[in-house]
């Protein structure tokens, strides 16, 4: 279902072991709406000190290991 909403607030919660984004809003006719997106995957951006070392158009993924979290390249 597609509808227009005015976003009032947003939050996230862990539900069933996954992070879900929760959007709170109102429709043009003032009805309350809550949208839950359980497919959200947390992310953040990295800004390297030297942009010349980066390849354009490539994606990077964080992977966890027994010694911590590492950056691993994903071939686009």
Protein backbone atom coordinates (compact mmCIF):
# COMPACT_ATOMS: atom_id res chain seq x y z
CA UNK A 1 0.00 0.00 0.00
CA UNK A 2 1.35 3.43 -0.93
CA UNK A 3 0.31 6.60 0.91
CA UNK A 4 1.68 10.03 1.69
CA UNK A 5 2.56 10.79 5.29
CA UNK A 6 4.00 13.68 7.24
CA UNK A 7 6.86 12.18 9.26
CA UNK A 8 6.65 13.22 12.93
CA UNK A 9 9.21 10.95 14.58
CA UNK A 10 11.33 7.88 13.98
CA UNK A 11 12.99 5.27 16.11
CA UNK A 12 14.50 1.80 15.91
CA UNK A 13 14.10 -1.31 18.02
CA UNK A 14 15.45 -4.81 18.10
CA UNK A 15 12.64 -7.18 17.18
CA UNK A 16 13.16 -10.93 16.79
CA UNK A 17 16.93 -10.45 16.68
CA UNK A 18 16.77 -7.86 13.87
CA UNK A 19 16.85 -4.06 13.91
CA UNK A 20 13.54 -2.55 12.75
CA UNK A 21 13.03 1.10 11.84
CA UNK A 22 9.77 2.59 13.14
CA UNK A 23 8.30 5.70 11.48
CA UNK A 24 5.49 7.71 13.10
CA UNK A 25 3.41 10.11 11.04
CA UNK A 26 0.04 11.42 9.90
CA UNK A 27 -1.75 11.18 6.58
CA UNK A 28 -3.13 14.29 4.81
CA UNK A 29 -6.54 13.56 6.42
CA UNK A 30 -4.84 13.57 9.89
CA UNK A 31 -4.98 9.80 10.55
CA UNK A 32 -2.11 8.39 12.62
CA UNK A 33 0.31 6.04 10.87
CA UNK A 34 3.06 3.78 12.20
CA UNK A 35 5.34 2.07 9.67
CA UNK A 36 7.68 -0.74 10.77
CA UNK A 37 10.49 -1.79 8.41
CA UNK A 38 12.14 -5.02 9.62
CA UNK A 39 14.46 -5.19 6.58
CA UNK A 40 16.65 -2.26 7.69
CA UNK A 41 20.37 -3.02 7.96
CA UNK A 42 22.39 -0.62 10.13
CA UNK A 43 25.21 1.22 8.38
CA UNK A 44 27.53 4.18 8.66
CA UNK A 45 29.82 6.09 6.32
CA UNK A 46 33.62 6.14 6.40
CA UNK A 47 35.64 9.04 5.04
CA UNK A 48 39.20 7.92 4.25
CA UNK A 49 42.08 10.32 4.87
CA UNK A 50 43.38 9.75 1.34
CA UNK A 51 40.66 9.64 -1.34
CA UNK A 52 43.22 8.54 -3.98
CA UNK A 53 43.37 5.08 -2.39
CA UNK A 54 39.66 4.45 -2.99
CA UNK A 55 38.19 2.87 -6.09
CA UNK A 56 35.16 4.66 -7.54
CA UNK A 57 31.95 2.62 -7.73
CA UNK A 58 33.00 0.00 -5.21
CA UNK A 59 31.11 -0.90 -2.04
CA UNK A 60 32.59 -1.84 1.31
CA UNK A 61 31.08 -4.08 3.97
CA UNK A 62 31.81 -4.48 7.68
CA UNK A 63 32.23 -8.07 8.83
CA UNK A 64 32.65 -9.29 12.35
CA UNK A 65 35.29 -11.70 13.49
CA UNK A 66 36.53 -13.17 16.74
CA UNK A 67 39.08 -10.33 17.06
CA UNK A 68 36.74 -7.46 16.16
CA UNK A 69 35.17 -5.85 13.13
CA UNK A 70 36.94 -5.55 9.80
CA UNK A 71 36.38 -3.76 6.49
CA UNK A 72 36.11 -6.11 3.55
CA UNK A 73 35.65 -5.03 -0.06
CA UNK A 74 32.57 -6.16 -1.97
CA UNK A 75 33.12 -6.27 -5.73
CA UNK A 76 30.39 -4.25 -7.47
